[in-house]
């Protein structure tokens, strides 16, 4: 497993779990775009969080998904948990 969770990892997991809405380009500059603007609501993010936890063998606390309004926020939260788990 790589040492850091990346935007590419997140995009792959989003596509596998929830797909994308028509007109949404995940290859665009989406780091600071709210998930709601990308078409991902709470259920899609819960599915994404579950997939991340299983694949990266971490446990995200409830606030990690709720507080991560953008891809950058979620990536940062996941990497914080990866760093904590590795320590």
PDB file of N, CA and C in Angstrom:
ATOM      1  N   UNK A   1       0.848  -1.179   0.000  1.00  0.00           N
ATOM      2  CA  UNK A   1       0.000   0.000   0.000  1.00  0.00           C
ATOM      3  C   UNK A   1       0.888   1.236   0.000  1.00  0.00           C
ATOM      4  N   UNK A   2       0.610   2.228  -0.859  1.00  0.00           N
ATOM      5  CA  UNK A   2       1.394   3.462  -0.873  1.00  0.00           C
ATOM      6  C   UNK A   2       1.282   4.191   0.457  1.00  0.00           C
ATOM      7  N   UNK A   3       2.201   5.098   0.696  1.00  0.00           N
ATOM      8  CA  UNK A   3       2.267   5.795   1.979  1.00  0.00           C
ATOM      9  C   UNK A   3       1.239   6.915   2.114  1.00  0.00           C
ATOM     10  N   UNK A   4       0.665   7.371   1.015  1.00  0.00           N
ATOM     11  CA  UNK A   4      -0.275   8.485   1.083  1.00  0.00           C
ATOM     12  C   UNK A   4      -1.488   8.236   0.189  1.00  0.00           C
ATOM     13  N   UNK A   5      -2.614   8.721   0.658  1.00  0.00           N
ATOM     14  CA  UNK A   5      -3.862   8.676  -0.098  1.00  0.00           C
ATOM     15  C   UNK A   5      -3.879   9.893  -1.016  1.00  0.00           C
ATOM     16  N   UNK A   6      -4.133   9.683  -2.296  1.00  0.00           N
ATOM     17  CA  UNK A   6      -4.022  10.767  -3.272  1.00  0.00           C
ATOM     18  C   UNK A   6      -5.371  11.081  -3.920  1.00  0.00           C
ATOM     19  N   UNK A   7      -5.393  12.149  -4.685  1.00  0.00           N
ATOM     20  CA  UNK A   7      -6.582  12.508  -5.438  1.00  0.00           C
ATOM     21  C   UNK A   7      -6.945  11.387  -6.411  1.00  0.00           C
ATOM     22  N   UNK A   8      -5.955  10.764  -7.021  1.00  0.00           N
ATOM     23  CA  UNK A   8      -6.232   9.651  -7.939  1.00  0.00           C
ATOM     24  C   UNK A   8      -6.910   8.491  -7.205  1.00  0.00           C
ATOM     25  N   UNK A   9      -6.461   8.210  -5.993  1.00  0.00           N
ATOM     26  CA  UNK A   9      -7.116   7.168  -5.189  1.00  0.00           C
ATOM     27  C   UNK A   9      -8.570   7.527  -4.927  1.00  0.00           C
ATOM     28  N   UNK A  10      -8.808   8.771  -4.538  1.00  0.00           N
ATOM     29  CA  UNK A  10     -10.163   9.218  -4.247  1.00  0.00           C
ATOM     30  C   UNK A  10     -11.048   9.149  -5.487  1.00  0.00           C
ATOM     31  N   UNK A  11     -10.555   9.611  -6.614  1.00  0.00           N
ATOM     32  CA  UNK A  11     -11.349   9.577  -7.849  1.00  0.00           C
ATOM     33  C   UNK A  11     -11.718   8.150  -8.222  1.00  0.00           C
ATOM     34  N   UNK A  12     -10.764   7.225  -8.104  1.00  0.00           N
ATOM     35  CA  UNK A  12     -11.031   5.824  -8.420  1.00  0.00           C
ATOM     36  C   UNK A  12     -12.117   5.262  -7.508  1.00  0.00           C
ATOM     37  N   UNK A  13     -12.019   5.545  -6.223  1.00  0.00           N
ATOM     38  CA  UNK A  13     -12.995   5.027  -5.261  1.00  0.00           C
ATOM     39  C   UNK A  13     -14.366   5.659  -5.488  1.00  0.00           C
ATOM     40  N   UNK A  14     -14.408   6.950  -5.779  1.00  0.00           N
ATOM     41  CA  UNK A  14     -15.689   7.604  -6.080  1.00  0.00           C
ATOM     42  C   UNK A  14     -16.340   6.967  -7.304  1.00  0.00           C
ATOM     43  N   UNK A  15     -15.559   6.746  -8.348  1.00  0.00           N
ATOM     44  CA  UNK A  15     -16.095   6.153  -9.573  1.00  0.00           C
ATOM     45  C   UNK A  15     -16.591   4.732  -9.341  1.00  0.00           C
ATOM     46  N   UNK A  16     -15.819   3.940  -8.587  1.00  0.00           N
ATOM     47  CA  UNK A  16     -16.211   2.557  -8.315  1.00  0.00           C
ATOM     48  C   UNK A  16     -17.482   2.487  -7.463  1.00  0.00           C
ATOM     49  N   UNK A  17     -17.596   3.377  -6.497  1.00  0.00           N
ATOM     50  CA  UNK A  17     -18.707   3.307  -5.554  1.00  0.00           C
ATOM     51  C   UNK A  17     -19.959   4.023  -5.982  1.00  0.00           C
ATOM     52  N   UNK A  18     -19.800   5.185  -6.600  1.00  0.00           N
ATOM     53  CA  UNK A  18     -20.970   6.001  -6.892  1.00  0.00           C
ATOM     54  C   UNK A  18     -21.045   6.480  -8.335  1.00  0.00           C
ATOM     55  N   UNK A  19     -20.000   6.264  -9.104  1.00  0.00           N
ATOM     56  CA  UNK A  19     -20.007   6.772 -10.474  1.00  0.00           C
ATOM     57  C   UNK A  19     -19.906   8.289 -10.477  1.00  0.00           C
ATOM     58  N   UNK A  20     -20.302   8.894 -11.585  1.00  0.00           N
ATOM     59  CA  UNK A  20     -20.323  10.353 -11.666  1.00  0.00           C
ATOM     60  C   UNK A  20     -21.606  10.805 -12.332  1.00  0.00           C
ATOM     61  N   UNK A  21     -21.998  12.010 -11.998  1.00  0.00           N
ATOM     62  CA  UNK A  21     -23.154  12.602 -12.659  1.00  0.00           C
ATOM     63  C   UNK A  21     -22.738  13.092 -14.032  1.00  0.00           C
ATOM     64  N   UNK A  22     -23.692  13.094 -14.935  1.00  0.00           N
ATOM     65  CA  UNK A  22     -23.427  13.603 -16.275  1.00  0.00           C
ATOM     66  C   UNK A  22     -22.970  15.058 -16.165  1.00  0.00           C
ATOM     67  N   UNK A  23     -21.925  15.390 -16.886  1.00  0.00           N
ATOM     68  CA  UNK A  23     -21.411  16.750 -16.888  1.00  0.00           C
ATOM     69  C   UNK A  23     -20.350  17.018 -15.841  1.00  0.00           C
ATOM     70  N   UNK A  24     -20.070  16.053 -14.970  1.00  0.00           N
ATOM     71  CA  UNK A  24     -19.028  16.218 -13.955  1.00  0.00           C
ATOM     72  C   UNK A  24     -17.746  15.584 -14.478  1.00  0.00           C
ATOM     73  N   UNK A  25     -16.675  16.359 -14.480  1.00  0.00           N
ATOM     74  CA  UNK A  25     -15.383  15.883 -14.950  1.00  0.00           C
ATOM     75  C   UNK A  25     -14.442  15.764 -13.762  1.00  0.00           C
ATOM     76  N   UNK A  26     -14.234  14.541 -13.299  1.00  0.00           N
ATOM     77  CA  UNK A  26     -13.354  14.342 -12.153  1.00  0.00           C
ATOM     78  C   UNK A  26     -11.890  14.585 -12.498  1.00  0.00           C
ATOM     79  N   UNK A  27     -11.573  14.704 -13.785  1.00  0.00           N
ATOM     80  CA  UNK A  27     -10.202  15.004 -14.180  1.00  0.00           C
ATOM     81  C   UNK A  27      -9.922  16.506 -14.192  1.00  0.00           C
ATOM     82  N   UNK A  28     -10.944  17.308 -13.961  1.00  0.00           N
ATOM     83  CA  UNK A  28     -10.760  18.760 -13.858  1.00  0.00           C
ATOM     84  C   UNK A  28     -10.130  19.070 -12.495  1.00  0.00           C
ATOM     85  N   UNK A  29      -9.906  20.342 -12.225  1.00  0.00           N
ATOM     86  CA  UNK A  29      -9.345  20.778 -10.947  1.00  0.00           C
ATOM     87  C   UNK A  29     -10.464  20.757  -9.906  1.00  0.00           C
ATOM     88  N   UNK A  30     -10.591  19.626  -9.190  1.00  0.00           N
ATOM     89  CA  UNK A  30     -11.714  19.446  -8.267  1.00  0.00           C
ATOM     90  C   UNK A  30     -11.317  19.477  -6.800  1.00  0.00           C
ATOM     91  N   UNK A  31     -10.041  19.664  -6.498  1.00  0.00           N
ATOM     92  CA  UNK A  31      -9.584  19.567  -5.114  1.00  0.00           C
ATOM     93  C   UNK A  31     -10.409  20.403  -4.139  1.00  0.00           C
ATOM     94  N   UNK A  32     -10.781  21.599  -4.539  1.00  0.00           N
ATOM     95  CA  UNK A  32     -11.501  22.490  -3.634  1.00  0.00           C
ATOM     96  C   UNK A  32     -12.971  22.675  -4.017  1.00  0.00           C
ATOM     97  N   UNK A  33     -13.476  21.790  -4.864  1.00  0.00           N
ATOM     98  CA  UNK A  33     -14.880  21.833  -5.261  1.00  0.00           C
ATOM     99  C   UNK A  33     -15.706  21.041  -4.254  1.00  0.00           C
ATOM    100  N   UNK A  34     -16.744  21.641  -3.701  1.00  0.00           N
ATOM    101  CA  UNK A  34     -17.579  20.895  -2.739  1.00  0.00           C
ATOM    102  C   UNK A  34     -18.117  19.609  -3.351  1.00  0.00           C
ATOM    103  N   UNK A  35     -18.168  18.551  -2.530  1.00  0.00           N
ATOM    104  CA  UNK A  35     -18.692  17.281  -3.009  1.00  0.00           C
ATOM    105  C   UNK A  35     -20.104  17.432  -3.565  1.00  0.00           C
ATOM    106  N   UNK A  36     -20.906  18.294  -2.952  1.00  0.00           N
ATOM    107  CA  UNK A  36     -22.275  18.480  -3.441  1.00  0.00           C
ATOM    108  C   UNK A  36     -22.275  19.027  -4.864  1.00  0.00           C
ATOM    109  N   UNK A  37     -21.323  19.905  -5.192  1.00  0.00           N
ATOM    110  CA  UNK A  37     -21.219  20.427  -6.558  1.00  0.00           C
ATOM    111  C   UNK A  37     -20.767  19.348  -7.540  1.00  0.00           C
ATOM    112  N   UNK A  38     -20.091  18.335  -7.022  1.00  0.00           N
ATOM    113  CA  UNK A  38     -19.640  17.221  -7.864  1.00  0.00           C
ATOM    114  C   UNK A  38     -20.710  16.139  -7.985  1.00  0.00           C
ATOM    115  N   UNK A  39     -21.811  16.325  -7.269  1.00  0.00           N
ATOM    116  CA  UNK A  39     -22.914  15.374  -7.350  1.00  0.00           C
ATOM    117  C   UNK A  39     -22.866  14.270  -6.308  1.00  0.00           C
ATOM    118  N   UNK A  40     -22.024  14.415  -5.289  1.00  0.00           N
ATOM    119  CA  UNK A  40     -21.903  13.388  -4.257  1.00  0.00           C
ATOM    120  C   UNK A  40     -22.569  13.861  -2.972  1.00  0.00           C
ATOM    121  N   UNK A  41     -23.633  13.194  -2.604  1.00  0.00           N
ATOM    122  CA  UNK A  41     -24.372  13.499  -1.378  1.00  0.00           C
ATOM    123  C   UNK A  41     -23.886  12.591  -0.256  1.00  0.00           C
ATOM    124  N   UNK A  42     -24.512  12.675   0.881  1.00  0.00           N
ATOM    125  CA  UNK A  42     -24.047  11.976   2.081  1.00  0.00           C
ATOM    126  C   UNK A  42     -23.959  10.458   1.903  1.00  0.00           C
ATOM    127  N   UNK A  43     -24.927   9.846   1.233  1.00  0.00           N
ATOM    128  CA  UNK A  43     -24.872   8.392   1.049  1.00  0.00           C
ATOM    129  C   UNK A  43     -23.673   7.975   0.206  1.00  0.00           C
ATOM    130  N   UNK A  44     -23.397   8.722  -0.835  1.00  0.00           N
ATOM    131  CA  UNK A  44     -22.238   8.412  -1.678  1.00  0.00           C
ATOM    132  C   UNK A  44     -20.948   8.575  -0.888  1.00  0.00           C
ATOM    133  N   UNK A  45     -20.899   9.575  -0.023  1.00  0.00           N
ATOM    134  CA  UNK A  45     -19.698   9.788   0.775  1.00  0.00           C
ATOM    135  C   UNK A  45     -19.543   8.717   1.853  1.00  0.00           C
ATOM    136  N   UNK A  46     -20.649   8.243   2.396  1.00  0.00           N
ATOM    137  CA  UNK A  46     -20.568   7.134   3.352  1.00  0.00           C
ATOM    138  C   UNK A  46     -20.017   5.881   2.676  1.00  0.00           C
ATOM    139  N   UNK A  47     -20.496   5.604   1.478  1.00  0.00           N
ATOM    140  CA  UNK A  47     -19.984   4.467   0.712  1.00  0.00           C
ATOM    141  C   UNK A  47     -18.496   4.659   0.415  1.00  0.00           C
ATOM    142  N   UNK A  48     -18.128   5.869   0.040  1.00  0.00           N
ATOM    143  CA  UNK A  48     -16.727   6.179  -0.236  1.00  0.00           C
ATOM    144  C   UNK A  48     -15.883   5.971   1.013  1.00  0.00           C
ATOM    145  N   UNK A  49     -16.371   6.463   2.149  1.00  0.00           N
ATOM    146  CA  UNK A  49     -15.641   6.284   3.403  1.00  0.00           C
ATOM    147  C   UNK A  49     -15.454   4.819   3.749  1.00  0.00           C
ATOM    148  N   UNK A  50     -16.483   4.013   3.557  1.00  0.00           N
ATOM    149  CA  UNK A  50     -16.377   2.586   3.826  1.00  0.00           C
ATOM    150  C   UNK A  50     -15.356   1.916   2.934  1.00  0.00           C
ATOM    151  N   UNK A  51     -15.346   2.292   1.681  1.00  0.00           N
ATOM    152  CA  UNK A  51     -14.369   1.712   0.743  1.00  0.00           C
ATOM    153  C   UNK A  51     -12.948   2.124   1.124  1.00  0.00           C
ATOM    154  N   UNK A  52     -12.792   3.380   1.516  1.00  0.00           N
ATOM    155  CA  UNK A  52     -11.461   3.853   1.936  1.00  0.00           C
ATOM    156  C   UNK A  52     -11.010   3.076   3.168  1.00  0.00           C
ATOM    157  N   UNK A  53     -11.888   2.909   4.145  1.00  0.00           N
ATOM    158  CA  UNK A  53     -11.528   2.193   5.372  1.00  0.00           C
ATOM    159  C   UNK A  53     -11.094   0.759   5.071  1.00  0.00           C
ATOM    160  N   UNK A  54     -11.838   0.071   4.211  1.00  0.00           N
ATOM    161  CA  UNK A  54     -11.490  -1.310   3.885  1.00  0.00           C
ATOM    162  C   UNK A  54     -10.173  -1.402   3.111  1.00  0.00           C
ATOM    163  N   UNK A  55     -10.030  -0.530   2.134  1.00  0.00           N
ATOM    164  CA  UNK A  55      -8.845  -0.608   1.278  1.00  0.00           C
ATOM    165  C   UNK A  55      -7.576  -0.166   1.998  1.00  0.00           C
ATOM    166  N   UNK A  56      -7.685   0.841   2.851  1.00  0.00           N
ATOM    167  CA  UNK A  56      -6.510   1.411   3.507  1.00  0.00           C
ATOM    168  C   UNK A  56      -6.348   0.912   4.942  1.00  0.00           C
ATOM    169  N   UNK A  57      -7.259   0.049   5.372  1.00  0.00           N
ATOM    170  CA  UNK A  57      -7.191  -0.549   6.712  1.00  0.00           C
ATOM    171  C   UNK A  57      -7.067   0.525   7.807  1.00  0.00           C
ATOM    172  N   UNK A  58      -7.974   1.496   7.736  1.00  0.00           N
ATOM    173  CA  UNK A  58      -8.045   2.546   8.754  1.00  0.00           C
ATOM    174  C   UNK A  58      -9.499   2.666   9.203  1.00  0.00           C
ATOM    175  N   UNK A  59      -9.708   3.400  10.270  1.00  0.00           N
ATOM    176  CA  UNK A  59     -11.048   3.709  10.726  1.00  0.00           C
ATOM    177  C   UNK A  59     -11.181   5.223  10.771  1.00  0.00           C
ATOM    178  N   UNK A  60     -12.084   5.740   9.970  1.00  0.00           N
ATOM    179  CA  UNK A  60     -12.344   7.177   9.948  1.00  0.00           C
ATOM    180  C   UNK A  60     -13.382   7.493  11.019  1.00  0.00           C
ATOM    181  N   UNK A  61     -13.124   8.501  11.835  1.00  0.00           N
ATOM    182  CA  UNK A  61     -14.135   8.872  12.810  1.00  0.00           C
ATOM    183  C   UNK A  61     -15.293   9.558  12.093  1.00  0.00           C
ATOM    184  N   UNK A  62     -16.425   9.624  12.764  1.00  0.00           N
ATOM    185  CA  UNK A  62     -17.646  10.138  12.141  1.00  0.00           C
ATOM    186  C   UNK A  62     -17.467  11.541  11.572  1.00  0.00           C
ATOM    187  N   UNK A  63     -16.677  12.358  12.235  1.00  0.00           N
ATOM    188  CA  UNK A  63     -16.521  13.734  11.773  1.00  0.00           C
ATOM    189  C   UNK A  63     -15.648  13.850  10.525  1.00  0.00           C
ATOM    190  N   UNK A  64     -14.822  12.846  10.241  1.00  0.00           N
ATOM    191  CA  UNK A  64     -13.921  12.934   9.084  1.00  0.00           C
ATOM    192  C   UNK A  64     -14.696  13.134   7.795  1.00  0.00           C
ATOM    193  N   UNK A  65     -15.768  12.357   7.611  1.00  0.00           N
ATOM    194  CA  UNK A  65     -16.571  12.510   6.393  1.00  0.00           C
ATOM    195  C   UNK A  65     -17.476  13.728   6.469  1.00  0.00           C
ATOM    196  N   UNK A  66     -18.025  13.983   7.632  1.00  0.00           N
ATOM    197  CA  UNK A  66     -18.943  15.114   7.783  1.00  0.00           C
ATOM    198  C   UNK A  66     -18.221  16.448   7.601  1.00  0.00           C
ATOM    199  N   UNK A  67     -16.994  16.532   8.082  1.00  0.00           N
ATOM    200  CA  UNK A  67     -16.246  17.788   8.016  1.00  0.00           C
ATOM    201  C   UNK A  67     -15.529  17.989   6.685  1.00  0.00           C
ATOM    202  N   UNK A  68     -15.361  16.927   5.923  1.00  0.00           N
ATOM    203  CA  UNK A  68     -14.640  17.015   4.654  1.00  0.00           C
ATOM    204  C   UNK A  68     -15.614  17.400   3.547  1.00  0.00           C
ATOM    205  N   UNK A  69     -15.713  18.664   3.282  1.00  0.00           N
ATOM    206  CA  UNK A  69     -16.667  19.155   2.287  1.00  0.00           C
ATOM    207  C   UNK A  69     -16.121  19.092   0.867  1.00  0.00           C
ATOM    208  N   UNK A  70     -14.808  18.926   0.745  1.00  0.00           N
ATOM    209  CA  UNK A  70     -14.160  18.907  -0.567  1.00  0.00           C
ATOM    210  C   UNK A  70     -13.217  17.713  -0.666  1.00  0.00           C
ATOM    211  N   UNK A  71     -12.818  17.355  -1.873  1.00  0.00           N
ATOM    212  CA  UNK A  71     -11.826  16.289  -2.009  1.00  0.00           C
ATOM    213  C   UNK A  71     -10.549  16.564  -1.206  1.00  0.00           C
ATOM    214  N   UNK A  72     -10.074  17.808  -1.211  1.00  0.00           N
ATOM    215  CA  UNK A  72      -8.861  18.136  -0.452  1.00  0.00           C
ATOM    216  C   UNK A  72      -9.061  17.826   1.028  1.00  0.00           C
ATOM    217  N   UNK A  73     -10.214  18.187   1.569  1.00  0.00           N
ATOM    218  CA  UNK A  73     -10.493  17.937   2.974  1.00  0.00           C
ATOM    219  C   UNK A  73     -10.519  16.456   3.306  1.00  0.00           C
ATOM    220  N   UNK A  74     -11.116  15.657   2.433  1.00  0.00           N
ATOM    221  CA  UNK A  74     -11.180  14.214   2.675  1.00  0.00           C
ATOM    222  C   UNK A  74      -9.808  13.574   2.531  1.00  0.00           C
ATOM    223  N   UNK A  75      -9.061  13.979   1.536  1.00  0.00           N
ATOM    224  CA  UNK A  75      -7.704  13.452   1.350  1.00  0.00           C
ATOM    225  C   UNK A  75      -6.851  13.762   2.576  1.00  0.00           C
ATOM    226  N   UNK A  76      -6.932  14.989   3.073  1.00  0.00           N
ATOM    227  CA  UNK A  76      -6.174  15.368   4.267  1.00  0.00           C
ATOM    228  C   UNK A  76      -6.590  14.522   5.472  1.00  0.00           C
ATOM    229  N   UNK A  77      -7.897  14.311   5.638  1.00  0.00           N
ATOM    230  CA  UNK A  77      -8.392  13.512   6.770  1.00  0.00           C
ATOM    231  C   UNK A  77      -7.890  12.072   6.669  1.00  0.00           C
ATOM    232  N   UNK A  78      -7.957  11.495   5.483  1.00  0.00           N
ATOM    233  CA  UNK A  78      -7.496  10.121   5.300  1.00  0.00           C
ATOM    234  C   UNK A  78      -5.999  10.021   5.580  1.00  0.00           C
ATOM    235  N   UNK A  79      -5.238  10.962   5.060  1.00  0.00           N
ATOM    236  CA  UNK A  79      -3.781  10.919   5.283  1.00  0.00           C
ATOM    237  C   UNK A  79      -3.425  11.110   6.750  1.00  0.00           C
ATOM    238  N   UNK A  80      -4.189  11.893   7.468  1.00  0.00           N
ATOM    239  CA  UNK A  80      -3.990  12.039   8.911  1.00  0.00           C
ATOM    240  C   UNK A  80      -4.209  10.699   9.607  1.00  0.00           C
ATOM    241  N   UNK A  81      -5.267   9.987   9.225  1.00  0.00           N
ATOM    242  CA  UNK A  81      -5.559   8.684   9.815  1.00  0.00           C
ATOM    243  C   UNK A  81      -4.500   7.651   9.426  1.00  0.00           C
ATOM    244  N   UNK A  82      -4.012   7.709   8.197  1.00  0.00           N
ATOM    245  CA  UNK A  82      -2.967   6.775   7.765  1.00  0.00           C
ATOM    246  C   UNK A  82      -1.710   7.019   8.597  1.00  0.00           C
ATOM    247  N   UNK A  83      -1.363   8.284   8.787  1.00  0.00           N
ATOM    248  CA  UNK A  83      -0.181   8.628   9.582  1.00  0.00           C
ATOM    249  C   UNK A  83      -0.321   8.182  11.019  1.00  0.00           C
ATOM    250  N   UNK A  84      -1.519   8.312  11.578  1.00  0.00           N
ATOM    251  CA  UNK A  84      -1.770   7.900  12.955  1.00  0.00           C
ATOM    252  C   UNK A  84      -1.686   6.377  13.080  1.00  0.00           C
ATOM    253  N   UNK A  85      -2.239   5.676  12.093  1.00  0.00           N
ATOM    254  CA  UNK A  85      -2.246   4.211  12.127  1.00  0.00           C
ATOM    255  C   UNK A  85      -0.829   3.653  11.978  1.00  0.00           C
ATOM    256  N   UNK A  86       0.014   4.354  11.229  1.00  0.00           N
ATOM    257  CA  UNK A  86       1.369   3.867  10.990  1.00  0.00           C
ATOM    258  C   UNK A  86       2.281   4.142  12.189  1.00  0.00           C
ATOM    259  N   UNK A  87       1.905   5.090  13.006  1.00  0.00           N
ATOM    260  CA  UNK A  87       2.752   5.471  14.147  1.00  0.00           C
ATOM    261  C   UNK A  87       2.707   4.471  15.268  1.00  0.00           C
TER     262      UNK A  87
END
